[in-house]
Amino acid sequence: MKRTNLQTYIMTMCGAGLWGTIGLFVNPLYKEGFTAWEVVAIRGVFTFVFLFIFMLIRYPHLLKTNLKDHINFACAGILSTALFNYFYFEVFSQSTLSLAVTLLYTGPIFVTILSRIFFKEAFTIKKILALIIAVFGCSFVVGFLPSGDIEVSISVLILGLLSGFCFALYTIFSKPITRKYSALTITTYNFLYTAIFMLIFSDITTKANQFTKIEVLTPSIALSLIATVLAYLLYTSGLKNLEASTASILSTMEPIIAILSGVIFLGDVLNIWQIIGILLVITSAAIIGNLNLKIRRKNSKNKVI
């Protein structure tokens, strides 16, 4: 058993918690007239710049990669990161942060299903239980249970589930190269292709003059540096010294912080059934996260930094 201390727990919880603050930095950008698609571009470009600078200074040797593996990096960066962020931010713009983060957290369930299809991973009793819990949880969150009436539009529900599906694709595309590269290397090149894709297919470059405004530059930097780069570094640093079960529990800080942020700062209102549904989805994600983390640690030959 690995030895842990208070600092390890704090680092892991803070990392997961910082991911949960994303909505606080996205909302000001919406108020400045940016669309969800443009916010994805902001996050992608700024995050890559910060990560690349960090890598050059601290771990330049980790930037070495095999050219053929960039197919996986590109697929993860475009089909997963760019799209899941868009669907996530779009649900947030059309409904609430609480609903957006809850539907995003159906991702681990999609990972389970896709892993069965592509990697022939077994459907265990725990995975089936987690799937059932997630379905009930989402049903409570969107209002289908207990009343039978869906309280959100079908389009928002579909966008939310697509965010979870695209979030799951990151695991599918990155898993074949996890034995060859550190998590930091994969994340950096993932954001490289997210940034390139968004610079080409968004109008963010036409709004470059907007970034001279403190109201735009501050949340842009915070979204990327605090809620992405710093969150990632803290979480993965703490993750090295934690058991899988403990890490999966602490990782639930992200949706909890995100939902609390929505309620406290953004005026989200939740009824008792939605709260129950959120707890069920988080529980399901923790179960799957625990199982997947054990598998990754068993199979990985690289140190995660």
C-alpha atoms as a PDB file:
ATOM      1  CA  MET A   1       0.000   0.000   0.000  1.00  0.00           C
ATOM      2  CA  LYS A   2       1.305   3.426  -0.897  1.00  0.00           C
ATOM      3  CA  ARG A   3       1.895   5.846   1.905  1.00  0.00           C
ATOM      4  CA  THR A   4      -0.200   8.954   1.746  1.00  0.00           C
ATOM      5  CA  ASN A   5      -0.270  12.163   3.699  1.00  0.00           C
ATOM      6  CA  LEU A   6      -2.503  15.170   4.103  1.00  0.00           C
ATOM      7  CA  GLN A   7      -0.684  17.053   1.353  1.00  0.00           C
ATOM      8  CA  THR A   8      -1.479  14.304  -1.157  1.00  0.00           C
ATOM      9  CA  TYR A   9      -5.186  14.400  -0.331  1.00  0.00           C
ATOM     10  CA  ILE A  10      -5.251  18.195  -0.491  1.00  0.00           C
ATOM     11  CA  MET A  11      -3.468  18.279  -3.860  1.00  0.00           C
ATOM     12  CA  THR A  12      -5.849  15.742  -5.389  1.00  0.00           C
ATOM     13  CA  MET A  13      -8.962  17.421  -4.013  1.00  0.00           C
ATOM     14  CA  CYS A  14      -7.775  20.888  -5.028  1.00  0.00           C
ATOM     15  CA  GLY A  15      -7.001  19.679  -8.533  1.00  0.00           C
ATOM     16  CA  ALA A  16     -10.432  18.110  -8.958  1.00  0.00           C
ATOM     17  CA  GLY A  17     -12.036  21.120  -7.291  1.00  0.00           C
ATOM     18  CA  LEU A  18     -10.322  23.587  -9.631  1.00  0.00           C
ATOM     19  CA  TRP A  19     -11.753  21.711 -12.620  1.00  0.00           C
ATOM     20  CA  GLY A  20     -15.120  22.393 -11.069  1.00  0.00           C
ATOM     21  CA  THR A  21     -14.594  26.166 -11.215  1.00  0.00           C
ATOM     22  CA  ILE A  22     -14.734  26.224 -15.022  1.00  0.00           C
ATOM     23  CA  GLY A  23     -18.226  27.704 -15.087  1.00  0.00           C
ATOM     24  CA  LEU A  24     -17.142  30.717 -13.062  1.00  0.00           C
ATOM     25  CA  PHE A  25     -14.678  31.682 -15.794  1.00  0.00           C
ATOM     26  CA  VAL A  26     -16.845  30.720 -18.769  1.00  0.00           C
ATOM     27  CA  ASN A  27     -19.817  32.828 -17.667  1.00  0.00           C
ATOM     28  CA  PRO A  28     -17.939  36.179 -17.849  1.00  0.00           C
ATOM     29  CA  LEU A  29     -16.872  35.326 -21.406  1.00  0.00           C
ATOM     30  CA  TYR A  30     -20.502  34.709 -22.360  1.00  0.00           C
ATOM     31  CA  LYS A  31     -21.351  38.129 -20.950  1.00  0.00           C
ATOM     32  CA  GLU A  32     -18.652  39.664 -23.159  1.00  0.00           C
ATOM     33  CA  GLY A  33     -20.355  38.223 -26.241  1.00  0.00           C
ATOM     34  CA  PHE A  34     -18.329  35.070 -26.865  1.00  0.00           C
ATOM     35  CA  THR A  35     -20.144  31.945 -28.057  1.00  0.00           C
ATOM     36  CA  ALA A  36     -19.625  28.462 -26.624  1.00  0.00           C
ATOM     37  CA  TRP A  37     -17.563  27.536 -29.713  1.00  0.00           C
ATOM     38  CA  GLU A  38     -15.325  30.574 -29.229  1.00  0.00           C
ATOM     39  CA  VAL A  39     -14.850  29.798 -25.546  1.00  0.00           C
ATOM     40  CA  VAL A  40     -13.599  26.342 -26.541  1.00  0.00           C
ATOM     41  CA  ALA A  41     -11.070  28.081 -28.788  1.00  0.00           C
ATOM     42  CA  ILE A  42      -9.957  30.316 -25.925  1.00  0.00           C
ATOM     43  CA  ARG A  43      -9.515  27.366 -23.585  1.00  0.00           C
ATOM     44  CA  GLY A  44      -7.705  25.294 -26.201  1.00  0.00           C
ATOM     45  CA  VAL A  45      -5.225  27.947 -27.315  1.00  0.00           C
ATOM     46  CA  PHE A  46      -4.403  29.396 -23.900  1.00  0.00           C
ATOM     47  CA  THR A  47      -4.097  25.946 -22.307  1.00  0.00           C
ATOM     48  CA  PHE A  48      -1.708  24.679 -24.960  1.00  0.00           C
ATOM     49  CA  VAL A  49       0.493  27.771 -24.620  1.00  0.00           C
ATOM     50  CA  PHE A  50       0.717  27.389 -20.836  1.00  0.00           C
ATOM     51  CA  LEU A  51       1.320  23.626 -21.011  1.00  0.00           C
ATOM     52  CA  PHE A  52       3.963  23.940 -23.716  1.00  0.00           C
ATOM     53  CA  ILE A  53       5.871  26.592 -21.762  1.00  0.00           C
ATOM     54  CA  PHE A  54       5.696  24.416 -18.636  1.00  0.00           C
ATOM     55  CA  MET A  55       6.959  21.385 -20.565  1.00  0.00           C
ATOM     56  CA  LEU A  56       9.840  23.311 -22.135  1.00  0.00           C
ATOM     57  CA  ILE A  57      10.992  24.532 -18.746  1.00  0.00           C
ATOM     58  CA  ARG A  58      10.377  21.441 -16.612  1.00  0.00           C
ATOM     59  CA  TYR A  59      10.179  18.345 -18.818  1.00  0.00           C
ATOM     60  CA  PRO A  60      11.569  19.098 -22.306  1.00  0.00           C
ATOM     61  CA  HIS A  61      12.445  15.422 -22.839  1.00  0.00           C
ATOM     62  CA  LEU A  62       8.757  14.513 -22.637  1.00  0.00           C
ATOM     63  CA  LEU A  63       8.020  16.499 -25.793  1.00  0.00           C
ATOM     64  CA  LYS A  64       9.689  13.813 -27.925  1.00  0.00           C
ATOM     65  CA  THR A  65       7.086  11.719 -29.743  1.00  0.00           C
ATOM     66  CA  ASN A  66       6.661   9.335 -32.655  1.00  0.00           C
ATOM     67  CA  LEU A  67       5.021  11.020 -35.638  1.00  0.00           C
ATOM     68  CA  LYS A  68       2.530   8.189 -36.236  1.00  0.00           C
ATOM     69  CA  ASP A  69       1.161   8.618 -32.710  1.00  0.00           C
ATOM     70  CA  HIS A  70      -0.012  12.102 -33.622  1.00  0.00           C
ATOM     71  CA  ILE A  71      -3.052  10.482 -35.214  1.00  0.00           C
ATOM     72  CA  ASN A  72      -4.161   9.550 -31.699  1.00  0.00           C
ATOM     73  CA  PHE A  73      -3.206  12.967 -30.332  1.00  0.00           C
ATOM     74  CA  ALA A  74      -5.182  14.696 -33.087  1.00  0.00           C
ATOM     75  CA  CYS A  75      -8.258  12.494 -32.689  1.00  0.00           C
ATOM     76  CA  ALA A  76      -8.265  13.038 -28.930  1.00  0.00           C
ATOM     77  CA  GLY A  77      -7.747  16.775 -29.319  1.00  0.00           C
ATOM     78  CA  ILE A  78     -10.417  17.307 -31.966  1.00  0.00           C
ATOM     79  CA  LEU A  79     -13.065  14.590 -31.644  1.00  0.00           C
ATOM     80  CA  SER A  80     -12.874  14.503 -27.854  1.00  0.00           C
ATOM     81  CA  THR A  81     -11.553  17.675 -26.219  1.00  0.00           C
ATOM     82  CA  ALA A  82     -12.819  20.244 -28.723  1.00  0.00           C
ATOM     83  CA  LEU A  83     -16.254  18.668 -29.099  1.00  0.00           C
ATOM     84  CA  PHE A  84     -16.922  17.681 -25.486  1.00  0.00           C
ATOM     85  CA  ASN A  85     -16.002  21.194 -24.369  1.00  0.00           C
ATOM     86  CA  TYR A  86     -18.351  22.661 -26.963  1.00  0.00           C
ATOM     87  CA  PHE A  87     -21.302  20.460 -25.999  1.00  0.00           C
ATOM     88  CA  TYR A  88     -20.570  21.057 -22.295  1.00  0.00           C
ATOM     89  CA  PHE A  89     -20.387  24.836 -22.697  1.00  0.00           C
ATOM     90  CA  GLU A  90     -23.449  24.871 -24.959  1.00  0.00           C
ATOM     91  CA  VAL A  91     -25.576  23.050 -22.369  1.00  0.00           C
ATOM     92  CA  PHE A  92     -24.308  25.522 -19.776  1.00  0.00           C
ATOM     93  CA  SER A  93     -25.296  28.474 -21.986  1.00  0.00           C
ATOM     94  CA  GLN A  94     -28.776  27.065 -22.679  1.00  0.00           C
ATOM     95  CA  SER A  95     -29.628  25.724 -19.217  1.00  0.00           C
ATOM     96  CA  THR A  96     -27.586  25.530 -16.013  1.00  0.00           C
ATOM     97  CA  LEU A  97     -24.058  24.640 -14.987  1.00  0.00           C
ATOM     98  CA  SER A  98     -25.434  21.953 -12.661  1.00  0.00           C
ATOM     99  CA  LEU A  99     -27.203  20.159 -15.510  1.00  0.00           C
ATOM    100  CA  ALA A 100     -24.205  20.542 -17.822  1.00  0.00           C
ATOM    101  CA  VAL A 101     -21.697  19.005 -15.415  1.00  0.00           C
ATOM    102  CA  THR A 102     -24.068  16.181 -14.442  1.00  0.00           C
ATOM    103  CA  LEU A 103     -24.630  15.120 -18.053  1.00  0.00           C
ATOM    104  CA  LEU A 104     -20.894  15.451 -18.736  1.00  0.00           C
ATOM    105  CA  TYR A 105     -20.338  12.939 -15.956  1.00  0.00           C
ATOM    106  CA  THR A 106     -22.118  10.267 -17.958  1.00  0.00           C
ATOM    107  CA  GLY A 107     -18.706  10.061 -19.667  1.00  0.00           C
ATOM    108  CA  PRO A 108     -17.406   7.135 -17.573  1.00  0.00           C
ATOM    109  CA  ILE A 109     -20.437   5.097 -18.606  1.00  0.00           C
ATOM    110  CA  PHE A 110     -19.697   5.715 -22.282  1.00  0.00           C
ATOM    111  CA  VAL A 111     -16.073   4.764 -21.572  1.00  0.00           C
ATOM    112  CA  THR A 112     -17.284   1.431 -20.217  1.00  0.00           C
ATOM    113  CA  ILE A 113     -19.459   0.753 -23.259  1.00  0.00           C
ATOM    114  CA  LEU A 114     -16.848   1.864 -25.801  1.00  0.00           C
ATOM    115  CA  SER A 115     -14.086  -0.065 -24.033  1.00  0.00           C
ATOM    116  CA  ARG A 116     -16.184  -3.195 -24.368  1.00  0.00           C
ATOM    117  CA  ILE A 117     -16.563  -2.563 -28.110  1.00  0.00           C
ATOM    118  CA  PHE A 118     -12.991  -1.518 -28.959  1.00  0.00           C
ATOM    119  CA  PHE A 119     -10.847  -3.191 -26.294  1.00  0.00           C
ATOM    120  CA  LYS A 120     -13.052  -6.199 -25.427  1.00  0.00           C
ATOM    121  CA  GLU A 121     -13.048  -5.255 -21.746  1.00  0.00           C
ATOM    122  CA  ALA A 122     -15.465  -7.343 -19.708  1.00  0.00           C
ATOM    123  CA  PHE A 123     -18.817  -6.075 -18.472  1.00  0.00           C
ATOM    124  CA  THR A 124     -18.557  -6.788 -14.758  1.00  0.00           C
ATOM    125  CA  ILE A 125     -21.331  -6.678 -12.178  1.00  0.00           C
ATOM    126  CA  LYS A 126     -19.929  -3.397 -10.832  1.00  0.00           C
ATOM    127  CA  LYS A 127     -19.943  -1.827 -14.296  1.00  0.00           C
ATOM    128  CA  ILE A 128     -23.520  -2.918 -14.956  1.00  0.00           C
ATOM    129  CA  LEU A 129     -24.546  -1.569 -11.543  1.00  0.00           C
ATOM    130  CA  ALA A 130     -22.826   1.756 -12.303  1.00  0.00           C
ATOM    131  CA  LEU A 131     -24.629   1.953 -15.656  1.00  0.00           C
ATOM    132  CA  ILE A 132     -28.022   1.379 -14.019  1.00  0.00           C
ATOM    133  CA  ILE A 133     -27.274   3.960 -11.310  1.00  0.00           C
ATOM    134  CA  ALA A 134     -26.265   6.517 -13.968  1.00  0.00           C
ATOM    135  CA  VAL A 135     -29.449   5.977 -15.986  1.00  0.00           C
ATOM    136  CA  PHE A 136     -31.611   6.498 -12.908  1.00  0.00           C
ATOM    137  CA  GLY A 137     -29.513   9.497 -11.880  1.00  0.00           C
ATOM    138  CA  CYS A 138     -29.894  11.222 -15.242  1.00  0.00           C
ATOM    139  CA  SER A 139     -33.613  10.463 -15.229  1.00  0.00           C
ATOM    140  CA  PHE A 140     -33.965  12.287 -11.916  1.00  0.00           C
ATOM    141  CA  VAL A 141     -31.825  15.219 -13.046  1.00  0.00           C
ATOM    142  CA  VAL A 142     -33.794  15.913 -16.245  1.00  0.00           C
ATOM    143  CA  GLY A 143     -37.151  15.365 -14.514  1.00  0.00           C
ATOM    144  CA  PHE A 144     -38.221  12.122 -16.188  1.00  0.00           C
ATOM    145  CA  LEU A 145     -38.310  10.576 -12.721  1.00  0.00           C
ATOM    146  CA  PRO A 146     -40.420  10.613 -10.677  1.00  0.00           C
ATOM    147  CA  SER A 147     -42.972  12.693 -12.635  1.00  0.00           C
ATOM    148  CA  GLY A 148     -42.470  11.230 -16.107  1.00  0.00           C
ATOM    149  CA  ASP A 149     -42.121  14.707 -17.652  1.00  0.00           C
ATOM    150  CA  ILE A 150     -38.749  15.822 -18.992  1.00  0.00           C
ATOM    151  CA  GLU A 151     -38.096  19.329 -17.655  1.00  0.00           C
ATOM    152  CA  VAL A 152     -35.345  20.212 -20.138  1.00  0.00           C
ATOM    153  CA  SER A 153     -35.530  20.421 -23.909  1.00  0.00           C
ATOM    154  CA  ILE A 154     -34.636  17.347 -25.905  1.00  0.00           C
ATOM    155  CA  SER A 155     -31.908  19.311 -27.682  1.00  0.00           C
ATOM    156  CA  VAL A 156     -30.230  20.227 -24.375  1.00  0.00           C
ATOM    157  CA  LEU A 157     -30.458  16.615 -23.204  1.00  0.00           C
ATOM    158  CA  ILE A 158     -28.883  15.358 -26.440  1.00  0.00           C
ATOM    159  CA  LEU A 159     -26.115  17.972 -26.252  1.00  0.00           C
ATOM    160  CA  GLY A 160     -25.419  16.950 -22.657  1.00  0.00           C
ATOM    161  CA  LEU A 161     -25.182  13.268 -23.519  1.00  0.00           C
ATOM    162  CA  LEU A 162     -22.955  14.120 -26.479  1.00  0.00           C
ATOM    163  CA  SER A 163     -20.621  15.929 -24.084  1.00  0.00           C
ATOM    164  CA  GLY A 164     -20.356  12.731 -22.053  1.00  0.00           C
ATOM    165  CA  PHE A 165     -19.845  10.622 -25.176  1.00  0.00           C
ATOM    166  CA  CYS A 166     -17.099  12.873 -26.578  1.00  0.00           C
ATOM    167  CA  PHE A 167     -15.505  13.061 -23.143  1.00  0.00           C
ATOM    168  CA  ALA A 168     -15.297   9.258 -23.218  1.00  0.00           C
ATOM    169  CA  LEU A 169     -13.571   9.309 -26.607  1.00  0.00           C
ATOM    170  CA  TYR A 170     -10.481  10.776 -24.948  1.00  0.00           C
ATOM    171  CA  THR A 171      -9.871   7.456 -23.206  1.00  0.00           C
ATOM    172  CA  ILE A 172     -10.497   5.502 -26.404  1.00  0.00           C
ATOM    173  CA  PHE A 173      -8.006   7.524 -28.452  1.00  0.00           C
ATOM    174  CA  SER A 174      -5.360   7.936 -25.764  1.00  0.00           C
ATOM    175  CA  LYS A 175      -5.378   4.407 -24.327  1.00  0.00           C
ATOM    176  CA  PRO A 176      -3.302   2.856 -27.168  1.00  0.00           C
ATOM    177  CA  ILE A 177      -0.437   5.288 -26.457  1.00  0.00           C
ATOM    178  CA  THR A 178      -0.522   5.426 -22.645  1.00  0.00           C
ATOM    179  CA  ARG A 179       2.259   2.830 -22.419  1.00  0.00           C
ATOM    180  CA  LYS A 180       4.552   5.028 -24.528  1.00  0.00           C
ATOM    181  CA  TYR A 181       3.979   8.508 -23.093  1.00  0.00           C
ATOM    182  CA  SER A 182       3.316  10.222 -19.793  1.00  0.00           C
ATOM    183  CA  ALA A 183      -0.132  11.673 -19.148  1.00  0.00           C
ATOM    184  CA  LEU A 184       1.383  15.151 -19.367  1.00  0.00           C
ATOM    185  CA  THR A 185       2.771  14.497 -22.857  1.00  0.00           C
ATOM    186  CA  ILE A 186      -0.565  13.177 -24.084  1.00  0.00           C
ATOM    187  CA  THR A 187      -2.442  16.127 -22.611  1.00  0.00           C
ATOM    188  CA  THR A 188      -0.055  18.691 -24.107  1.00  0.00           C
ATOM    189  CA  TYR A 189      -0.274  17.330 -27.645  1.00  0.00           C
ATOM    190  CA  ASN A 190      -3.999  16.798 -27.250  1.00  0.00           C
ATOM    191  CA  PHE A 191      -4.393  20.528 -26.619  1.00  0.00           C
ATOM    192  CA  LEU A 192      -2.032  21.314 -29.502  1.00  0.00           C
ATOM    193  CA  TYR A 193      -4.523  19.813 -31.933  1.00  0.00           C
ATOM    194  CA  THR A 194      -7.484  21.298 -30.092  1.00  0.00           C
ATOM    195  CA  ALA A 195      -5.871  24.724 -30.481  1.00  0.00           C
ATOM    196  CA  ILE A 196      -5.034  24.242 -34.175  1.00  0.00           C
ATOM    197  CA  PHE A 197      -8.532  22.961 -34.968  1.00  0.00           C
ATOM    198  CA  MET A 198     -10.265  25.797 -33.129  1.00  0.00           C
ATOM    199  CA  LEU A 199      -8.046  28.490 -34.667  1.00  0.00           C
ATOM    200  CA  ILE A 200      -9.037  27.203 -38.108  1.00  0.00           C
ATOM    201  CA  PHE A 201     -12.736  26.553 -37.539  1.00  0.00           C
ATOM    202  CA  SER A 202     -13.745  29.372 -35.191  1.00  0.00           C
ATOM    203  CA  ASP A 203     -13.841  33.143 -35.572  1.00  0.00           C
ATOM    204  CA  ILE A 204     -11.764  33.744 -32.462  1.00  0.00           C
ATOM    205  CA  THR A 205      -8.950  35.421 -34.427  1.00  0.00           C
ATOM    206  CA  THR A 206     -11.367  38.133 -35.568  1.00  0.00           C
ATOM    207  CA  LYS A 207     -11.897  39.037 -31.913  1.00  0.00           C
ATOM    208  CA  ALA A 208      -8.209  39.317 -31.020  1.00  0.00           C
ATOM    209  CA  ASN A 209      -8.660  42.967 -30.045  1.00  0.00           C
ATOM    210  CA  GLN A 210     -11.097  41.860 -27.328  1.00  0.00           C
ATOM    211  CA  PHE A 211      -8.226  40.381 -25.331  1.00  0.00           C
ATOM    212  CA  THR A 212      -6.899  43.847 -24.579  1.00  0.00           C
ATOM    213  CA  LYS A 213      -9.867  44.191 -22.223  1.00  0.00           C
ATOM    214  CA  ILE A 214      -9.272  43.047 -18.655  1.00  0.00           C
ATOM    215  CA  GLU A 215     -12.851  41.678 -18.569  1.00  0.00           C
ATOM    216  CA  VAL A 216     -11.887  39.205 -21.303  1.00  0.00           C
ATOM    217  CA  LEU A 217      -8.219  38.506 -20.633  1.00  0.00           C
ATOM    218  CA  THR A 218      -8.657  37.713 -16.927  1.00  0.00           C
ATOM    219  CA  PRO A 219     -11.296  34.939 -17.276  1.00  0.00           C
ATOM    220  CA  SER A 220      -9.474  33.585 -20.353  1.00  0.00           C
ATOM    221  CA  ILE A 221      -6.247  33.148 -18.411  1.00  0.00           C
ATOM    222  CA  ALA A 222      -8.067  31.832 -15.341  1.00  0.00           C
ATOM    223  CA  LEU A 223     -10.046  29.298 -17.394  1.00  0.00           C
ATOM    224  CA  SER A 224      -6.864  27.897 -18.884  1.00  0.00           C
ATOM    225  CA  LEU A 225      -4.268  28.370 -16.171  1.00  0.00           C
ATOM    226  CA  ILE A 226      -6.340  27.752 -13.026  1.00  0.00           C
ATOM    227  CA  ALA A 227      -9.239  25.541 -14.128  1.00  0.00           C
ATOM    228  CA  THR A 228      -7.203  23.472 -16.593  1.00  0.00           C
ATOM    229  CA  VAL A 229      -3.397  23.465 -16.259  1.00  0.00           C
ATOM    230  CA  LEU A 230      -3.080  23.945 -12.489  1.00  0.00           C
ATOM    231  CA  ALA A 231      -6.017  21.614 -11.874  1.00  0.00           C
ATOM    232  CA  TYR A 232      -4.407  18.917 -14.004  1.00  0.00           C
ATOM    233  CA  LEU A 233      -0.960  19.237 -12.410  1.00  0.00           C
ATOM    234  CA  LEU A 234      -2.309  19.144  -8.850  1.00  0.00           C
ATOM    235  CA  TYR A 235      -4.643  16.231  -9.519  1.00  0.00           C
ATOM    236  CA  THR A 236      -2.142  14.007 -11.322  1.00  0.00           C
ATOM    237  CA  SER A 237       0.622  14.794  -8.814  1.00  0.00           C
ATOM    238  CA  GLY A 238      -1.599  13.679  -5.965  1.00  0.00           C
ATOM    239  CA  LEU A 239      -2.895  10.718  -7.942  1.00  0.00           C
ATOM    240  CA  LYS A 240       0.520   9.035  -7.958  1.00  0.00           C
ATOM    241  CA  ASN A 241       0.371   8.355  -4.225  1.00  0.00           C
ATOM    242  CA  LEU A 242      -3.266   7.367  -3.818  1.00  0.00           C
ATOM    243  CA  GLU A 243      -5.058   4.050  -4.030  1.00  0.00           C
ATOM    244  CA  ALA A 244      -7.492   3.844  -6.939  1.00  0.00           C
ATOM    245  CA  SER A 245     -10.570   3.740  -4.706  1.00  0.00           C
ATOM    246  CA  THR A 246      -9.481   6.831  -2.781  1.00  0.00           C
ATOM    247  CA  ALA A 247      -8.605   8.730  -5.958  1.00  0.00           C
ATOM    248  CA  SER A 248     -11.979   7.977  -7.529  1.00  0.00           C
ATOM    249  CA  ILE A 249     -13.784   9.316  -4.459  1.00  0.00           C
ATOM    250  CA  LEU A 250     -11.683  12.483  -4.308  1.00  0.00           C
ATOM    251  CA  SER A 251     -12.220  13.073  -8.039  1.00  0.00           C
ATOM    252  CA  THR A 252     -15.916  13.642  -7.329  1.00  0.00           C
ATOM    253  CA  MET A 253     -14.894  17.038  -5.971  1.00  0.00           C
ATOM    254  CA  GLU A 254     -15.077  18.337  -9.553  1.00  0.00           C
ATOM    255  CA  PRO A 255     -18.837  17.955 -10.126  1.00  0.00           C
ATOM    256  CA  ILE A 256     -19.573  18.859  -6.510  1.00  0.00           C
ATOM    257  CA  ILE A 257     -17.629  22.131  -6.758  1.00  0.00           C
ATOM    258  CA  ALA A 258     -19.116  22.855 -10.185  1.00  0.00           C
ATOM    259  CA  ILE A 259     -22.655  22.326  -8.933  1.00  0.00           C
ATOM    260  CA  LEU A 260     -22.077  24.367  -5.775  1.00  0.00           C
ATOM    261  CA  SER A 261     -20.584  27.139  -7.924  1.00  0.00           C
ATOM    262  CA  GLY A 262     -23.685  27.102 -10.093  1.00  0.00           C
ATOM    263  CA  VAL A 263     -26.019  27.276  -7.106  1.00  0.00           C
ATOM    264  CA  ILE A 264     -24.074  29.877  -5.102  1.00  0.00           C
ATOM    265  CA  PHE A 265     -22.720  32.174  -7.822  1.00  0.00           C
ATOM    266  CA  LEU A 266     -24.849  31.596 -10.917  1.00  0.00           C
ATOM    267  CA  GLY A 267     -28.320  31.194  -9.420  1.00  0.00           C
ATOM    268  CA  ASP A 268     -28.927  27.528 -10.286  1.00  0.00           C
ATOM    269  CA  VAL A 269     -31.973  26.127  -8.486  1.00  0.00           C
ATOM    270  CA  LEU A 270     -32.213  22.391  -7.750  1.00  0.00           C
ATOM    271  CA  ASN A 271     -35.116  20.370  -6.391  1.00  0.00           C
ATOM    272  CA  ILE A 272     -34.688  17.360  -4.134  1.00  0.00           C
ATOM    273  CA  TRP A 273     -35.051  14.865  -7.008  1.00  0.00           C
ATOM    274  CA  GLN A 274     -32.339  16.592  -9.024  1.00  0.00           C
ATOM    275  CA  ILE A 275     -30.019  16.517  -6.016  1.00  0.00           C
ATOM    276  CA  ILE A 276     -30.664  12.779  -5.664  1.00  0.00           C
ATOM    277  CA  GLY A 277     -29.997  12.318  -9.376  1.00  0.00           C
ATOM    278  CA  ILE A 278     -26.736  14.266  -9.210  1.00  0.00           C
ATOM    279  CA  LEU A 279     -25.538  12.133  -6.298  1.00  0.00           C
ATOM    280  CA  LEU A 280     -26.401   8.971  -8.234  1.00  0.00           C
ATOM    281  CA  VAL A 281     -24.468  10.108 -11.323  1.00  0.00           C
ATOM    282  CA  ILE A 282     -21.450  11.069  -9.204  1.00  0.00           C
ATOM    283  CA  THR A 283     -21.595   7.683  -7.447  1.00  0.00           C
ATOM    284  CA  SER A 284     -21.721   5.901 -10.794  1.00  0.00           C
ATOM    285  CA  ALA A 285     -18.739   7.898 -12.077  1.00  0.00           C
ATOM    286  CA  ALA A 286     -16.767   7.103  -8.913  1.00  0.00           C
ATOM    287  CA  ILE A 287     -17.414   3.359  -9.307  1.00  0.00           C
ATOM    288  CA  ILE A 288     -16.290   3.346 -12.943  1.00  0.00           C
ATOM    289  CA  GLY A 289     -13.392   5.692 -12.216  1.00  0.00           C
ATOM    290  CA  ASN A 290     -12.137   3.341  -9.518  1.00  0.00           C
ATOM    291  CA  LEU A 291     -12.243   0.321 -11.838  1.00  0.00           C
ATOM    292  CA  ASN A 292     -10.631   2.134 -14.783  1.00  0.00           C
ATOM    293  CA  LEU A 293      -7.878   3.628 -12.636  1.00  0.00           C
ATOM    294  CA  LYS A 294      -6.950   0.182 -11.315  1.00  0.00           C
ATOM    295  CA  ILE A 295      -6.722  -1.126 -14.879  1.00  0.00           C
ATOM    296  CA  ARG A 296      -4.581   1.812 -16.051  1.00  0.00           C
ATOM    297  CA  ARG A 297      -2.169   1.428 -13.147  1.00  0.00           C
ATOM    298  CA  LYS A 298      -1.882  -2.297 -13.719  1.00  0.00           C
ATOM    299  CA  ASN A 299      -1.120  -1.895 -17.420  1.00  0.00           C
ATOM    300  CA  SER A 300       0.894   1.326 -17.462  1.00  0.00           C
ATOM    301  CA  LYS A 301       4.684   1.215 -17.579  1.00  0.00           C
ATOM    302  CA  ASN A 302       5.133   4.985 -17.409  1.00  0.00           C
ATOM    303  CA  LYS A 303       5.199   7.290 -14.454  1.00  0.00           C
ATOM    304  CA  VAL A 304       2.249   9.655 -14.454  1.00  0.00           C
ATOM    305  CA  ILE A 305       3.355  13.174 -13.653  1.00  0.00           C
END
